[in-house]
C-alpha atoms as a PDB file:
ATOM      1  CA  MET A   1     -42.353   6.332  42.898  1.00  0.00           C
ATOM      2  CA  LYS A   2     -40.265   9.518  43.654  1.00  0.00           C
ATOM      3  CA  LEU A   3     -37.392   7.431  44.936  1.00  0.00           C
ATOM      4  CA  ASN A   4     -37.308   5.242  41.772  1.00  0.00           C
ATOM      5  CA  LEU A   5     -37.230   8.150  39.490  1.00  0.00           C
ATOM      6  CA  LYS A   6     -34.223   9.674  41.419  1.00  0.00           C
ATOM      7  CA  LEU A   7     -32.524   6.396  41.192  1.00  0.00           C
ATOM      8  CA  LEU A   8     -33.287   6.146  37.402  1.00  0.00           C
ATOM      9  CA  SER A   9     -31.905   9.781  36.979  1.00  0.00           C
ATOM     10  CA  ILE A  10     -28.639   9.101  38.840  1.00  0.00           C
ATOM     11  CA  TRP A  11     -28.160   5.834  36.666  1.00  0.00           C
ATOM     12  CA  PHE A  12     -28.804   7.740  33.553  1.00  0.00           C
ATOM     13  CA  VAL A  13     -26.190  10.441  34.494  1.00  0.00           C
ATOM     14  CA  CYS A  14     -23.607   7.748  35.455  1.00  0.00           C
ATOM     15  CA  ILE A  15     -24.011   6.104  32.073  1.00  0.00           C
ATOM     16  CA  THR A  16     -23.945   9.258  30.106  1.00  0.00           C
ATOM     17  CA  LEU A  17     -20.667  10.509  31.761  1.00  0.00           C
ATOM     18  CA  GLY A  18     -19.173   7.156  31.328  1.00  0.00           C
ATOM     19  CA  LEU A  19     -19.568   6.790  27.648  1.00  0.00           C
ATOM     20  CA  PRO A  20     -16.969   9.411  26.531  1.00  0.00           C
ATOM     21  CA  ALA A  21     -14.358   7.415  28.755  1.00  0.00           C
ATOM     22  CA  ILE A  22     -15.059   4.299  27.102  1.00  0.00           C
ATOM     23  CA  ALA A  23     -14.953   5.756  23.612  1.00  0.00           C
ATOM     24  CA  GLN A  24     -11.552   7.567  24.082  1.00  0.00           C
ATOM     25  CA  PRO A  25      -8.349   5.743  23.328  1.00  0.00           C
ATOM     26  CA  VAL A  26      -5.787   5.462  25.992  1.00  0.00           C
ATOM     27  CA  LEU A  27      -3.017   7.932  25.529  1.00  0.00           C
ATOM     28  CA  ASN A  28       0.438   8.089  27.167  1.00  0.00           C
ATOM     29  CA  GLU A  29       2.384  11.261  28.318  1.00  0.00           C
ATOM     30  CA  SER A  30       3.546  12.137  24.847  1.00  0.00           C
ATOM     31  CA  GLY A  31       0.082  11.895  23.450  1.00  0.00           C
ATOM     32  CA  SER A  32       0.751   8.540  21.428  1.00  0.00           C
ATOM     33  CA  GLU A  33      -2.065   6.123  21.540  1.00  0.00           C
ATOM     34  CA  VAL A  34      -1.359   3.006  23.710  1.00  0.00           C
ATOM     35  CA  GLU A  35      -2.632  -0.281  21.993  1.00  0.00           C
ATOM     36  CA  SER A  36      -3.160  -3.423  23.990  1.00  0.00           C
ATOM     37  CA  GLU A  37      -2.156  -6.783  22.403  1.00  0.00           C
ATOM     38  CA  ASN A  38      -2.941  -9.983  24.393  1.00  0.00           C
ATOM     39  CA  GLY A  39      -3.352  -8.050  27.479  1.00  0.00           C
ATOM     40  CA  VAL A  40      -0.003  -6.417  27.235  1.00  0.00           C
ATOM     41  CA  GLU A  41       0.227  -2.535  26.622  1.00  0.00           C
ATOM     42  CA  ALA A  42       2.527  -1.599  23.894  1.00  0.00           C
ATOM     43  CA  ASP A  43       3.705   2.048  24.234  1.00  0.00           C
ATOM     44  CA  THR A  44       5.284   2.805  20.783  1.00  0.00           C
ATOM     45  CA  PRO A  45       6.688   6.482  20.127  1.00  0.00           C
ATOM     46  CA  ARG A  46       4.529   8.057  17.415  1.00  0.00           C
ATOM     47  CA  ASP A  47       6.712  10.006  14.755  1.00  0.00           C
ATOM     48  CA  ASP A  48       3.906  12.652  14.242  1.00  0.00           C
ATOM     49  CA  VAL A  49       1.924  15.196  16.180  1.00  0.00           C
ATOM     50  CA  TYR A  50      -1.595  13.331  15.698  1.00  0.00           C
ATOM     51  CA  ASP A  51      -2.841   9.930  14.588  1.00  0.00           C
ATOM     52  CA  ARG A  52      -3.531   9.529  10.841  1.00  0.00           C
ATOM     53  CA  HIS A  53      -6.532   7.204  10.024  1.00  0.00           C
ATOM     54  CA  LEU A  54      -8.046   8.980   6.897  1.00  0.00           C
ATOM     55  CA  MET A  55      -5.999   7.065   4.419  1.00  0.00           C
ATOM     56  CA  GLU A  56      -6.759   3.707   5.981  1.00  0.00           C
ATOM     57  CA  GLU A  57     -10.506   4.401   6.023  1.00  0.00           C
ATOM     58  CA  LYS A  58     -10.657   5.801   2.416  1.00  0.00           C
ATOM     59  CA  ILE A  59     -13.511   4.357   0.359  1.00  0.00           C
ATOM     60  CA  VAL A  60     -12.720   4.103  -3.466  1.00  0.00           C
ATOM     61  CA  LEU A  61     -15.525   5.215  -5.638  1.00  0.00           C
ATOM     62  CA  SER A  62     -16.309   2.758  -8.330  1.00  0.00           C
ATOM     63  CA  TYR A  63     -16.284   3.727 -11.809  1.00  0.00           C
ATOM     64  CA  ASP A  64     -19.523   4.797 -13.715  1.00  0.00           C
ATOM     65  CA  HIS A  65     -21.143   1.862 -15.732  1.00  0.00           C
ATOM     66  CA  LEU A  66     -20.451   2.236 -19.435  1.00  0.00           C
ATOM     67  CA  ARG A  67     -22.603   0.986 -22.188  1.00  0.00           C
ATOM     68  CA  GLU A  68     -21.161  -0.224 -25.387  1.00  0.00           C
ATOM     69  CA  ALA A  69     -23.774   1.813 -27.265  1.00  0.00           C
ATOM     70  CA  ASP A  70     -22.648   5.103 -25.475  1.00  0.00           C
ATOM     71  CA  VAL A  71     -19.023   4.782 -26.512  1.00  0.00           C
ATOM     72  CA  PHE A  72     -18.770   5.762 -30.199  1.00  0.00           C
ATOM     73  CA  TRP A  73     -14.989   6.511 -30.220  1.00  0.00           C
ATOM     74  CA  GLU A  74     -12.046   5.026 -28.452  1.00  0.00           C
ATOM     75  CA  LYS A  75      -8.260   5.006 -28.898  1.00  0.00           C
ATOM     76  CA  ARG A  76      -5.869   2.818 -26.707  1.00  0.00           C
ATOM     77  CA  ILE A  77      -2.622   4.555 -25.745  1.00  0.00           C
ATOM     78  CA  TRP A  78       0.530   3.300 -24.155  1.00  0.00           C
ATOM     79  CA  ARG A  79       2.738   5.899 -22.347  1.00  0.00           C
ATOM     80  CA  VAL A  80       5.955   6.054 -20.325  1.00  0.00           C
ATOM     81  CA  ILE A  81       6.497   7.604 -16.896  1.00  0.00           C
ATOM     82  CA  ASP A  82      10.017   8.521 -16.394  1.00  0.00           C
ATOM     83  CA  VAL A  83      10.905   8.960 -12.724  1.00  0.00           C
ATOM     84  CA  ARG A  84      13.831  11.013 -13.334  1.00  0.00           C
ATOM     85  CA  GLU A  85      11.563  13.944 -14.037  1.00  0.00           C
ATOM     86  CA  LYS A  86      10.915  16.227 -11.277  1.00  0.00           C
ATOM     87  CA  MET A  87       7.163  15.696 -11.320  1.00  0.00           C
ATOM     88  CA  ASN A  88       7.547  12.004 -11.037  1.00  0.00           C
ATOM     89  CA  LYS A  89       9.830  11.839  -8.093  1.00  0.00           C
ATOM     90  CA  PRO A  90       7.131  10.546  -5.819  1.00  0.00           C
ATOM     91  CA  PHE A  91       7.344   7.191  -7.662  1.00  0.00           C
ATOM     92  CA  VAL A  92      10.953   6.712  -6.046  1.00  0.00           C
ATOM     93  CA  TYR A  93      10.078   8.143  -2.529  1.00  0.00           C
ATOM     94  CA  PRO A  94      12.601   6.109  -0.379  1.00  0.00           C
ATOM     95  CA  GLU A  95      10.110   5.307   2.399  1.00  0.00           C
ATOM     96  CA  LEU A  96       7.793   3.384   0.103  1.00  0.00           C
ATOM     97  CA  PRO A  97       8.534   3.413  -3.473  1.00  0.00           C
ATOM     98  CA  PHE A  98       5.784   2.680  -5.970  1.00  0.00           C
ATOM     99  CA  ILE A  99       7.181  -0.652  -7.229  1.00  0.00           C
ATOM    100  CA  ASN A 100       7.431  -1.965  -3.693  1.00  0.00           C
ATOM    101  CA  ILE A 101       3.713  -1.374  -2.944  1.00  0.00           C
ATOM    102  CA  LEU A 102       2.908  -3.647  -6.127  1.00  0.00           C
ATOM    103  CA  LEU A 103       5.359  -6.456  -5.128  1.00  0.00           C
ATOM    104  CA  GLU A 104       4.369  -6.480  -1.407  1.00  0.00           C
ATOM    105  CA  SER A 105       0.697  -6.553  -2.142  1.00  0.00           C
ATOM    106  CA  SER A 106       1.167  -9.217  -4.597  1.00  0.00           C
ATOM    107  CA  MET A 107       3.156 -11.291  -2.250  1.00  0.00           C
ATOM    108  CA  SER A 108       0.475 -10.860   0.547  1.00  0.00           C
ATOM    109  CA  GLY A 109      -2.214 -12.153  -1.984  1.00  0.00           C
ATOM    110  CA  GLU A 110      -4.020  -8.772  -2.218  1.00  0.00           C
ATOM    111  CA  ILE A 111      -3.510  -8.317  -5.800  1.00  0.00           C
ATOM    112  CA  THR A 112      -2.371 -10.326  -8.819  1.00  0.00           C
ATOM    113  CA  LEU A 113       0.486  -9.599 -11.206  1.00  0.00           C
ATOM    114  CA  TYR A 114       0.553 -10.766 -14.753  1.00  0.00           C
ATOM    115  CA  SER A 115       3.278 -12.017 -17.229  1.00  0.00           C
ATOM    116  CA  THR A 116       4.666  -9.781 -19.850  1.00  0.00           C
ATOM    117  CA  ILE A 117       3.950 -12.536 -22.556  1.00  0.00           C
ATOM    118  CA  ASP A 118       1.465  -9.841 -23.676  1.00  0.00           C
ATOM    119  CA  ASP A 119      -0.191  -6.868 -22.208  1.00  0.00           C
ATOM    120  CA  LYS A 120      -3.699  -8.315 -21.951  1.00  0.00           C
ATOM    121  CA  PHE A 121      -3.439  -9.743 -18.567  1.00  0.00           C
ATOM    122  CA  THR A 122      -3.926 -13.263 -19.602  1.00  0.00           C
ATOM    123  CA  SER A 123      -1.096 -15.067 -17.606  1.00  0.00           C
ATOM    124  CA  PRO A 124      -1.066 -14.351 -13.793  1.00  0.00           C
ATOM    125  CA  LEU A 125       2.080 -15.008 -11.792  1.00  0.00           C
ATOM    126  CA  THR A 126       2.340 -17.181  -8.705  1.00  0.00           C
ATOM    127  CA  VAL A 127       3.869 -15.974  -5.458  1.00  0.00           C
ATOM    128  CA  ASP A 128       7.084 -17.855  -6.225  1.00  0.00           C
ATOM    129  CA  GLU A 129       7.384 -16.197  -9.730  1.00  0.00           C
ATOM    130  CA  VAL A 130       6.766 -12.772  -8.096  1.00  0.00           C
ATOM    131  CA  SER A 131       9.301 -13.299  -5.429  1.00  0.00           C
ATOM    132  CA  SER A 132      11.878 -14.004  -8.101  1.00  0.00           C
ATOM    133  CA  ILE A 133      11.216 -10.872 -10.178  1.00  0.00           C
ATOM    134  CA  GLY A 134      14.291  -8.774 -10.755  1.00  0.00           C
ATOM    135  CA  THR A 135      16.563 -11.199  -8.891  1.00  0.00           C
ATOM    136  CA  SER A 136      19.784 -12.571 -10.166  1.00  0.00           C
ATOM    137  CA  VAL A 137      22.252 -15.235  -9.087  1.00  0.00           C
ATOM    138  CA  ASP A 138      25.996 -14.545  -9.396  1.00  0.00           C
ATOM    139  CA  THR A 139      29.052 -16.738  -8.510  1.00  0.00           C
ATOM    140  CA  ILE A 140      32.030 -15.217  -6.764  1.00  0.00           C
ATOM    141  CA  ILE A 141      35.291 -16.351  -5.755  1.00  0.00           C
ATOM    142  CA  THR A 142      36.262 -16.257  -2.153  1.00  0.00           C
ATOM    143  CA  PHE A 143      39.363 -17.326   0.000  1.00  0.00           C
ATOM    144  CA  ASP A 144      39.404 -19.245   3.337  1.00  0.00           C
ATOM    145  CA  PRO A 145      41.240 -16.981   5.771  1.00  0.00           C
ATOM    146  CA  ASP A 146      42.788 -19.958   7.433  1.00  0.00           C
ATOM    147  CA  THR A 147      43.703 -22.308   4.495  1.00  0.00           C
ATOM    148  CA  TYR A 148      43.699 -19.683   1.577  1.00  0.00           C
ATOM    149  CA  GLU A 149      41.688 -22.163  -0.148  1.00  0.00           C
ATOM    150  CA  GLU A 150      39.688 -20.878  -3.189  1.00  0.00           C
ATOM    151  CA  LYS A 151      35.987 -21.238  -2.849  1.00  0.00           C
ATOM    152  CA  ILE A 152      33.122 -20.475  -5.138  1.00  0.00           C
ATOM    153  CA  LYS A 153      30.114 -18.805  -3.407  1.00  0.00           C
ATOM    154  CA  VAL A 154      26.640 -18.345  -4.937  1.00  0.00           C
ATOM    155  CA  VAL A 155      25.157 -14.810  -4.220  1.00  0.00           C
ATOM    156  CA  ARG A 156      21.551 -13.876  -4.809  1.00  0.00           C
ATOM    157  CA  ASN A 157      21.027 -10.218  -5.866  1.00  0.00           C
ATOM    158  CA  ASP A 158      17.556  -8.968  -5.008  1.00  0.00           C
ATOM    159  CA  LEU A 159      15.800  -6.210  -6.881  1.00  0.00           C
ATOM    160  CA  ASN A 160      16.892  -2.757  -6.108  1.00  0.00           C
ATOM    161  CA  TRP A 161      13.843  -0.242  -6.529  1.00  0.00           C
ATOM    162  CA  GLU A 162      16.340   2.299  -7.591  1.00  0.00           C
ATOM    163  CA  ASP A 163      17.229   0.564 -10.769  1.00  0.00           C
ATOM    164  CA  ILE A 164      13.479   1.133 -12.131  1.00  0.00           C
ATOM    165  CA  LYS A 165      13.612   4.367 -14.096  1.00  0.00           C
ATOM    166  CA  ARG A 166      10.527   4.145 -16.006  1.00  0.00           C
ATOM    167  CA  PHE A 167       6.979   2.782 -15.925  1.00  0.00           C
ATOM    168  CA  ARG A 168       4.718   1.895 -18.881  1.00  0.00           C
ATOM    169  CA  VAL A 169       1.062   2.720 -18.601  1.00  0.00           C
ATOM    170  CA  LYS A 170      -1.600   1.281 -20.827  1.00  0.00           C
ATOM    171  CA  GLU A 171      -4.845   3.337 -20.828  1.00  0.00           C
ATOM    172  CA  VAL A 172      -8.053   3.817 -22.912  1.00  0.00           C
ATOM    173  CA  TRP A 173      -9.193   7.017 -24.058  1.00  0.00           C
ATOM    174  CA  PHE A 174     -13.003   7.257 -25.028  1.00  0.00           C
ATOM    175  CA  PHE A 175     -15.891   9.446 -25.630  1.00  0.00           C
ATOM    176  CA  ASP A 176     -19.091   8.754 -23.654  1.00  0.00           C
ATOM    177  CA  GLU A 177     -22.302   9.893 -25.289  1.00  0.00           C
ATOM    178  CA  GLU A 178     -24.271   9.728 -22.192  1.00  0.00           C
ATOM    179  CA  THR A 179     -21.999  12.223 -20.223  1.00  0.00           C
ATOM    180  CA  SER A 180     -20.810  13.906 -23.400  1.00  0.00           C
ATOM    181  CA  MET A 181     -17.320  13.683 -22.127  1.00  0.00           C
ATOM    182  CA  MET A 182     -13.904  12.494 -23.214  1.00  0.00           C
ATOM    183  CA  GLN A 183     -12.724  10.194 -20.585  1.00  0.00           C
ATOM    184  CA  VAL A 184      -9.639   8.207 -19.795  1.00  0.00           C
ATOM    185  CA  ARG A 185      -9.112   4.907 -17.768  1.00  0.00           C
ATOM    186  CA  ILE A 186      -5.803   3.253 -16.927  1.00  0.00           C
ATOM    187  CA  LEU A 187      -5.872  -0.472 -17.638  1.00  0.00           C
ATOM    188  CA  GLY A 188      -2.376  -1.535 -16.576  1.00  0.00           C
ATOM    189  CA  ILE A 189       1.065  -0.521 -15.285  1.00  0.00           C
ATOM    190  CA  ALA A 190       4.312  -2.153 -15.877  1.00  0.00           C
ATOM    191  CA  PRO A 191       7.849  -1.223 -14.421  1.00  0.00           C
ATOM    192  CA  LEU A 192      10.625  -1.134 -16.959  1.00  0.00           C
ATOM    193  CA  LYS A 193      14.000  -2.484 -15.976  1.00  0.00           C
ATOM    194  CA  GLU A 194      17.183  -1.790 -17.853  1.00  0.00           C
ATOM    195  CA  GLU A 195      19.756  -4.507 -18.900  1.00  0.00           C
ATOM    196  CA  PHE A 196      23.352  -3.812 -19.259  1.00  0.00           C
ATOM    197  CA  ASP A 197      26.268  -6.056 -20.504  1.00  0.00           C
ATOM    198  CA  ASP A 198      29.378  -6.863 -18.442  1.00  0.00           C
ATOM    199  CA  ASN A 199      30.907  -3.677 -19.394  1.00  0.00           C
ATOM    200  CA  GLY A 200      28.034  -1.581 -18.005  1.00  0.00           C
ATOM    201  CA  ASN A 201      26.828  -0.657 -21.561  1.00  0.00           C
ATOM    202  CA  PHE A 202      23.106  -0.353 -22.055  1.00  0.00           C
ATOM    203  CA  LYS A 203      21.505  -3.311 -24.070  1.00  0.00           C
ATOM    204  CA  PHE A 204      17.612  -3.009 -23.923  1.00  0.00           C
ATOM    205  CA  GLU A 205      14.763  -2.330 -21.553  1.00  0.00           C
ATOM    206  CA  TYR A 206      11.989  -4.800 -20.624  1.00  0.00           C
ATOM    207  CA  PRO A 207       8.740  -4.970 -18.806  1.00  0.00           C
ATOM    208  CA  MET A 208       8.922  -6.803 -15.424  1.00  0.00           C
ATOM    209  CA  PHE A 209       5.233  -7.521 -14.851  1.00  0.00           C
ATOM    210  CA  TRP A 210       1.838  -6.110 -15.590  1.00  0.00           C
ATOM    211  CA  ALA A 211      -0.290  -4.885 -12.835  1.00  0.00           C
ATOM    212  CA  TYR A 212      -4.091  -4.683 -13.548  1.00  0.00           C
ATOM    213  CA  TYR A 213      -4.981  -1.199 -12.451  1.00  0.00           C
ATOM    214  CA  PRO A 214      -8.584  -1.575 -11.620  1.00  0.00           C
ATOM    215  CA  ASP A 215      -7.764  -4.409  -9.236  1.00  0.00           C
ATOM    216  CA  CYS A 216      -5.130  -2.231  -7.611  1.00  0.00           C
ATOM    217  CA  ARG A 217      -7.156   0.790  -6.966  1.00  0.00           C
ATOM    218  CA  GLU A 218      -8.164  -0.412  -3.407  1.00  0.00           C
ATOM    219  CA  ILE A 219      -4.513  -0.977  -2.330  1.00  0.00           C
ATOM    220  CA  LEU A 220      -3.233   2.175  -3.946  1.00  0.00           C
ATOM    221  CA  ALA A 221      -5.727   4.212  -2.181  1.00  0.00           C
ATOM    222  CA  ARG A 222      -4.645   2.975   1.077  1.00  0.00           C
ATOM    223  CA  ASN A 223      -0.946   3.950   0.289  1.00  0.00           C
ATOM    224  CA  TYR A 224       0.076   7.527   0.464  1.00  0.00           C
ATOM    225  CA  ALA A 225       2.235   9.306  -2.256  1.00  0.00           C
ATOM    226  CA  PHE A 226       4.490  11.993  -1.119  1.00  0.00           C
ATOM    227  CA  ASN A 227       3.018  15.534  -1.572  1.00  0.00           C
ATOM    228  CA  PRO A 228       5.728  18.107  -2.105  1.00  0.00           C
ATOM    229  CA  MET A 229       3.529  21.014  -1.314  1.00  0.00           C
ATOM    230  CA  ASN A 230       1.885  19.917   2.102  1.00  0.00           C
ATOM    231  CA  ASP A 231       2.677  17.036   4.425  1.00  0.00           C
ATOM    232  CA  ALA A 232      -0.640  17.229   6.049  1.00  0.00           C
ATOM    233  CA  GLN A 233      -2.687  16.957   2.910  1.00  0.00           C
ATOM    234  CA  ARG A 234      -1.244  13.338   1.818  1.00  0.00           C
ATOM    235  CA  MET A 235      -2.667  12.015  -1.506  1.00  0.00           C
ATOM    236  CA  SER A 236      -2.967   8.499  -2.041  1.00  0.00           C
ATOM    237  CA  TRP A 237      -1.522   6.829  -5.149  1.00  0.00           C
ATOM    238  CA  GLU A 238      -5.157   6.274  -6.397  1.00  0.00           C
ATOM    239  CA  ASP A 239      -5.445  10.090  -6.249  1.00  0.00           C
ATOM    240  CA  MET A 240      -2.250  10.702  -8.007  1.00  0.00           C
ATOM    241  CA  LEU A 241      -3.039   8.486 -10.996  1.00  0.00           C
ATOM    242  CA  GLU A 242      -6.808   9.450 -11.328  1.00  0.00           C
ATOM    243  CA  MET A 243      -5.905  13.098 -11.255  1.00  0.00           C
ATOM    244  CA  ARG A 244      -3.098  12.312 -13.537  1.00  0.00           C
ATOM    245  CA  TYR A 245      -0.573  14.098 -11.519  1.00  0.00           C
ATOM    246  CA  PHE A 246       2.394  12.756 -13.410  1.00  0.00           C
ATOM    247  CA  ALA A 247       4.547  13.648 -16.649  1.00  0.00           C
ATOM    248  CA  SER A 248       4.758  11.208 -19.308  1.00  0.00           C
ATOM    249  CA  TYR A 249       5.037  10.831 -23.155  1.00  0.00           C
ATOM    250  CA  ILE A 250       3.153   8.592 -25.651  1.00  0.00           C
ATOM    251  CA  MET A 251       5.154   5.611 -26.876  1.00  0.00           C
ATOM    252  CA  LYS A 252       2.452   3.983 -28.875  1.00  0.00           C
ATOM    253  CA  GLU A 253      -1.139   4.279 -30.200  1.00  0.00           C
ATOM    254  CA  SER A 254      -3.384   1.318 -31.416  1.00  0.00           C
ATOM    255  CA  ASN A 255      -2.639   0.871 -34.989  1.00  0.00           C
ATOM    256  CA  VAL A 256      -3.034  -1.700 -37.774  1.00  0.00           C
ATOM    257  CA  TYR A 257       0.721  -2.711 -37.619  1.00  0.00           C
ATOM    258  CA  ASP A 258       0.825  -2.911 -33.813  1.00  0.00           C
ATOM    259  CA  ARG A 259       4.030  -1.071 -33.797  1.00  0.00           C
ATOM    260  CA  ARG A 260       5.541   1.581 -31.499  1.00  0.00           C
ATOM    261  CA  ILE A 261       6.380   5.005 -32.450  1.00  0.00           C
ATOM    262  CA  GLN A 262      10.249   4.274 -32.214  1.00  0.00           C
ATOM    263  CA  ASP A 263       9.685   1.457 -34.816  1.00  0.00           C
ATOM    264  CA  TYR A 264       8.967   4.064 -37.500  1.00  0.00           C
ATOM    265  CA  LYS A 265      10.411   7.190 -36.095  1.00  0.00           C
ATOM    266  CA  SER A 266      13.886   8.160 -34.607  1.00  0.00           C
ATOM    267  CA  GLY A 267      15.653  10.714 -32.712  1.00  0.00           C
ATOM    268  CA  ILE A 268      13.590  13.778 -31.876  1.00  0.00           C
ATOM    269  CA  ASP A 269      10.917  12.892 -34.216  1.00  0.00           C
ATOM    270  CA  ILE A 270       9.687  10.262 -31.810  1.00  0.00           C
ATOM    271  CA  LEU A 271       8.726  12.998 -29.286  1.00  0.00           C
ATOM    272  CA  PHE A 272       7.211  15.122 -32.215  1.00  0.00           C
ATOM    273  CA  GLU A 273       5.150  12.136 -33.242  1.00  0.00           C
ATOM    274  CA  ALA A 274       3.951  11.400 -29.552  1.00  0.00           C
ATOM    275  CA  GLU A 275       2.944  15.105 -29.420  1.00  0.00           C
ATOM    276  CA  LYS A 276       1.081  14.664 -32.628  1.00  0.00           C
ATOM    277  CA  VAL A 277      -0.912  11.865 -31.218  1.00  0.00           C
ATOM    278  CA  LYS A 278      -1.802  13.705 -28.017  1.00  0.00           C
ATOM    279  CA  GLU A 279      -2.907  16.674 -30.034  1.00  0.00           C
ATOM    280  CA  GLY A 280      -5.134  14.264 -32.360  1.00  0.00           C
ATOM    281  CA  ILE A 281      -7.150  13.177 -29.226  1.00  0.00           C
ATOM    282  CA  PHE A 282      -7.533  16.809 -28.139  1.00  0.00           C
ATOM    283  CA  ASN A 283      -8.719  17.935 -31.613  1.00  0.00           C
ATOM    284  CA  PHE A 284     -11.039  15.120 -32.036  1.00  0.00           C
ATOM    285  CA  GLU A 285     -12.894  16.192 -28.789  1.00  0.00           C
ATOM    286  CA  HIS A 286     -12.688  19.874 -29.736  1.00  0.00           C
ATOM    287  CA  ASP A 287     -14.141  19.294 -33.224  1.00  0.00           C
ATOM    288  CA  LEU A 288     -17.159  17.379 -31.791  1.00  0.00           C
ATOM    289  CA  TRP A 289     -18.384  20.683 -30.460  1.00  0.00           C
ATOM    290  CA  THR A 290     -19.993  23.135 -32.827  1.00  0.00           C
ATOM    291  CA  PHE A 291     -21.748  26.432 -31.920  1.00  0.00           C
END
């Protein structure tokens, strides 16, 4: 009986000491984790001092359920984010620009992009349509170096993320009676592309596609946005948009004529009118409280 207890104790100690070795990843001399693929160890240098997994494991919290009876006031707002503003520079971070996240996720089938026929997300785009977004085809004249014969060559110009200067955001502001709070939720995001004539003169600006934001939250939560204050505390794009860490101005509010501010204002009056709409939302919430 004593011998069996002794053997059992030795077996328990061996199992206990062996568990940490099994749980720990294999590291090389530089501290990089060595992953095994098809039985072959892949030793890839790590461009960091530690492994980052928090962003990949992040869980997106779902929105609170809303009852129609609890929402007694609502206003739809369209605003513009200009990436040339200092606060909006993370949108054009060269390592992973914001528009590339949307396009690559759509190409892989993780999200669906929608046509700009309207801004109500009624016409989904196919993968082929997404792959051709922002591309153009030009014909150039080349010469054969041997025969000096003139040839016409077709060149495909892919989308350059640096050409995207602004994003359009569609959102809903509403007052929830259950929580007694004014809240805002983003519905969609659309990159805007500028069109120029042959002489380089600006003609117009148009939305390329619409991304339905609620369906993009999972993807945006797994992609980090550059944090100019601290490289260790990286925020995801879902954090940036939910915390409204961006600068923007209002271009349209829901109205009976369905027109933008620039349709009835001009010059600096457009910004004054946009500020007036913003103050109207703030004053509405403020006037609800009486003491």
